[in-house]
Amino acid sequence: MPNLPVLSGTDVIKALSKAGFVFDHQTGSHITLVNSEGKKITVPNHKELGPGILRAIIKQAGLTVDEFIRLL
């Protein structure tokens, strides 16, 4: 399993938008994205996301780490 780079919330949102997720709403610093199937993902819009949170977001999106890295 490849190592994940240090990413900001904005970087993650850009990558997920390439995977078909669009903005749904924002509560504070947390942005919720939704795809055409109705799957929702909440991304904290912070300067740096830890590897655990990043892996959880990737898993919720139904992507592998390799697929996610290709979207960056």
N, C-alpha and C. Protein backbone atom coordinates (compact mmCIF):
# COMPACT_ATOMS: atom_id res chain seq x y z
N MET A 1 0.85 -1.17 0.00
CA MET A 1 0.00 0.00 0.00
C MET A 1 0.90 1.23 0.00
N PRO A 2 0.69 2.14 -0.96
CA PRO A 2 1.57 3.31 -1.04
C PRO A 2 1.32 4.29 0.11
N ASN A 3 2.37 5.03 0.43
CA ASN A 3 2.23 6.07 1.45
C ASN A 3 1.41 7.21 0.89
N LEU A 4 0.62 7.81 1.75
CA LEU A 4 -0.20 8.94 1.34
C LEU A 4 0.57 10.24 1.51
N PRO A 5 0.47 11.14 0.55
CA PRO A 5 1.11 12.45 0.73
C PRO A 5 0.34 13.28 1.74
N VAL A 6 0.97 14.32 2.26
CA VAL A 6 0.28 15.25 3.15
C VAL A 6 -0.58 16.14 2.26
N LEU A 7 -1.88 16.13 2.52
CA LEU A 7 -2.81 16.88 1.69
C LEU A 7 -3.67 17.80 2.55
N SER A 8 -4.12 18.88 1.94
CA SER A 8 -5.08 19.77 2.60
C SER A 8 -6.49 19.32 2.24
N GLY A 9 -7.46 19.83 2.95
CA GLY A 9 -8.84 19.53 2.63
C GLY A 9 -9.20 19.95 1.22
N THR A 10 -8.66 21.06 0.78
CA THR A 10 -8.92 21.56 -0.58
C THR A 10 -8.40 20.58 -1.62
N ASP A 11 -7.19 20.03 -1.39
CA ASP A 11 -6.62 19.04 -2.32
C ASP A 11 -7.51 17.81 -2.42
N VAL A 12 -8.01 17.35 -1.28
CA VAL A 12 -8.87 16.17 -1.26
C VAL A 12 -10.18 16.44 -1.98
N ILE A 13 -10.76 17.61 -1.77
CA ILE A 13 -12.01 17.97 -2.44
C ILE A 13 -11.82 18.02 -3.95
N LYS A 14 -10.71 18.56 -4.42
CA LYS A 14 -10.43 18.61 -5.86
C LYS A 14 -10.33 17.21 -6.44
N ALA A 15 -9.64 16.31 -5.73
CA ALA A 15 -9.50 14.93 -6.21
C ALA A 15 -10.85 14.22 -6.23
N LEU A 16 -11.65 14.41 -5.19
CA LEU A 16 -12.95 13.75 -5.15
C LEU A 16 -13.90 14.31 -6.21
N SER A 17 -13.74 15.58 -6.56
CA SER A 17 -14.59 16.15 -7.61
C SER A 17 -14.28 15.48 -8.95
N LYS A 18 -13.03 15.07 -9.16
CA LYS A 18 -12.67 14.34 -10.38
C LYS A 18 -13.30 12.96 -10.39
N ALA A 19 -13.63 12.43 -9.20
CA ALA A 19 -14.27 11.12 -9.08
C ALA A 19 -15.79 11.22 -9.13
N GLY A 20 -16.33 12.41 -9.36
CA GLY A 20 -17.77 12.58 -9.52
C GLY A 20 -18.50 13.15 -8.32
N PHE A 21 -17.79 13.57 -7.29
CA PHE A 21 -18.44 14.16 -6.13
C PHE A 21 -18.59 15.66 -6.34
N VAL A 22 -19.72 16.20 -5.87
CA VAL A 22 -19.98 17.63 -5.98
C VAL A 22 -20.34 18.19 -4.61
N PHE A 23 -20.20 19.49 -4.46
CA PHE A 23 -20.49 20.19 -3.21
C PHE A 23 -21.96 20.01 -2.85
N ASP A 24 -22.22 19.68 -1.58
CA ASP A 24 -23.59 19.57 -1.09
C ASP A 24 -23.87 20.71 -0.11
N HIS A 25 -23.10 20.78 0.98
CA HIS A 25 -23.23 21.90 1.92
C HIS A 25 -21.99 21.96 2.81
N GLN A 26 -21.92 23.04 3.58
CA GLN A 26 -20.80 23.26 4.48
C GLN A 26 -21.32 23.63 5.86
N THR A 27 -20.71 23.01 6.88
CA THR A 27 -21.02 23.34 8.27
C THR A 27 -19.70 23.65 8.95
N GLY A 28 -19.46 24.92 9.22
CA GLY A 28 -18.17 25.32 9.80
C GLY A 28 -17.06 25.04 8.81
N SER A 29 -16.06 24.28 9.25
CA SER A 29 -14.93 23.98 8.37
C SER A 29 -15.07 22.62 7.70
N HIS A 30 -16.25 21.99 7.82
CA HIS A 30 -16.47 20.68 7.22
C HIS A 30 -17.37 20.81 6.00
N ILE A 31 -16.88 20.28 4.87
CA ILE A 31 -17.60 20.37 3.61
C ILE A 31 -18.13 18.98 3.26
N THR A 32 -19.41 18.91 2.94
CA THR A 32 -20.03 17.64 2.56
C THR A 32 -20.16 17.59 1.05
N LEU A 33 -19.70 16.49 0.49
CA LEU A 33 -19.78 16.24 -0.95
C LEU A 33 -20.73 15.07 -1.17
N VAL A 34 -21.37 15.03 -2.32
CA VAL A 34 -22.29 13.95 -2.66
C VAL A 34 -22.05 13.56 -4.12
N ASN A 35 -22.24 12.27 -4.43
CA ASN A 35 -22.10 11.84 -5.83
C ASN A 35 -23.48 11.51 -6.40
N SER A 36 -23.54 11.07 -7.63
CA SER A 36 -24.81 10.82 -8.31
C SER A 36 -25.58 9.66 -7.68
N GLU A 37 -24.89 8.78 -6.95
CA GLU A 37 -25.55 7.65 -6.29
C GLU A 37 -26.09 8.04 -4.92
N GLY A 38 -25.83 9.28 -4.48
CA GLY A 38 -26.30 9.75 -3.19
C GLY A 38 -25.34 9.50 -2.05
N LYS A 39 -24.15 8.99 -2.35
CA LYS A 39 -23.14 8.74 -1.32
C LYS A 39 -22.57 10.06 -0.84
N LYS A 40 -22.57 10.28 0.48
CA LYS A 40 -22.08 11.54 1.05
C LYS A 40 -20.76 11.32 1.77
N ILE A 41 -19.88 12.30 1.63
CA ILE A 41 -18.57 12.28 2.30
C ILE A 41 -18.35 13.66 2.89
N THR A 42 -17.92 13.70 4.14
CA THR A 42 -17.59 14.96 4.80
C THR A 42 -16.07 15.09 4.87
N VAL A 43 -15.57 16.23 4.38
CA VAL A 43 -14.14 16.49 4.35
C VAL A 43 -13.85 17.72 5.22
N PRO A 44 -12.98 17.56 6.24
CA PRO A 44 -12.60 18.74 7.01
C PRO A 44 -11.70 19.63 6.15
N ASN A 45 -12.04 20.89 6.03
CA ASN A 45 -11.27 21.81 5.19
C ASN A 45 -10.14 22.41 6.03
N HIS A 46 -9.16 21.56 6.36
CA HIS A 46 -8.03 21.98 7.17
C HIS A 46 -6.77 22.03 6.31
N LYS A 47 -5.72 22.66 6.83
CA LYS A 47 -4.46 22.79 6.08
C LYS A 47 -3.81 21.44 5.84
N GLU A 48 -3.88 20.55 6.83
CA GLU A 48 -3.29 19.21 6.69
C GLU A 48 -4.26 18.19 7.26
N LEU A 49 -4.44 17.09 6.53
CA LEU A 49 -5.27 16.00 7.02
C LEU A 49 -4.35 14.83 7.39
N GLY A 50 -4.59 14.25 8.53
CA GLY A 50 -3.80 13.12 8.97
C GLY A 50 -4.06 11.89 8.11
N PRO A 51 -3.13 10.94 8.11
CA PRO A 51 -3.28 9.76 7.26
C PRO A 51 -4.51 8.92 7.62
N GLY A 52 -4.90 8.88 8.88
CA GLY A 52 -6.08 8.11 9.28
C GLY A 52 -7.35 8.69 8.71
N ILE A 53 -7.49 10.00 8.79
CA ILE A 53 -8.68 10.67 8.24
C ILE A 53 -8.69 10.54 6.72
N LEU A 54 -7.52 10.69 6.12
CA LEU A 54 -7.43 10.60 4.66
C LEU A 54 -7.83 9.20 4.18
N ARG A 55 -7.35 8.17 4.85
CA ARG A 55 -7.72 6.79 4.48
C ARG A 55 -9.21 6.54 4.68
N ALA A 56 -9.79 7.10 5.73
CA ALA A 56 -11.22 6.94 5.98
C ALA A 56 -12.04 7.61 4.87
N ILE A 57 -11.61 8.78 4.43
CA ILE A 57 -12.31 9.49 3.35
C ILE A 57 -12.23 8.68 2.06
N ILE A 58 -11.04 8.14 1.77
CA ILE A 58 -10.84 7.35 0.55
C ILE A 58 -11.74 6.11 0.59
N LYS A 59 -11.81 5.46 1.74
CA LYS A 59 -12.64 4.26 1.90
C LYS A 59 -14.13 4.60 1.73
N GLN A 60 -14.57 5.72 2.33
CA GLN A 60 -15.97 6.14 2.19
C GLN A 60 -16.33 6.45 0.74
N ALA A 61 -15.35 6.94 -0.01
CA ALA A 61 -15.58 7.27 -1.42
C ALA A 61 -15.64 6.02 -2.29
N GLY A 62 -15.25 4.87 -1.73
CA GLY A 62 -15.25 3.64 -2.50
C GLY A 62 -14.07 3.53 -3.44
N LEU A 63 -12.98 4.22 -3.10
CA LEU A 63 -11.78 4.21 -3.92
C LEU A 63 -10.67 3.44 -3.22
N THR A 64 -9.70 2.98 -4.00
CA THR A 64 -8.48 2.45 -3.41
C THR A 64 -7.50 3.61 -3.28
N VAL A 65 -6.45 3.41 -2.50
CA VAL A 65 -5.44 4.46 -2.33
C VAL A 65 -4.80 4.78 -3.68
N ASP A 66 -4.52 3.74 -4.48
CA ASP A 66 -3.92 3.97 -5.81
C ASP A 66 -4.83 4.80 -6.70
N GLU A 67 -6.12 4.48 -6.69
CA GLU A 67 -7.07 5.24 -7.51
C GLU A 67 -7.12 6.70 -7.06
N PHE A 68 -7.12 6.91 -5.74
CA PHE A 68 -7.17 8.26 -5.22
C PHE A 68 -5.92 9.05 -5.61
N ILE A 69 -4.74 8.42 -5.49
CA ILE A 69 -3.49 9.11 -5.83
C ILE A 69 -3.47 9.50 -7.31
N ARG A 70 -4.05 8.66 -8.16
CA ARG A 70 -4.12 9.00 -9.60
C ARG A 70 -5.00 10.23 -9.85
N LEU A 71 -5.96 10.47 -8.96
CA LEU A 71 -6.85 11.63 -9.12
C LEU A 71 -6.20 12.94 -8.71
N LEU A 72 -5.10 12.86 -7.97
CA LEU A 72 -4.44 14.09 -7.49
C LEU A 72 -3.81 14.87 -8.62
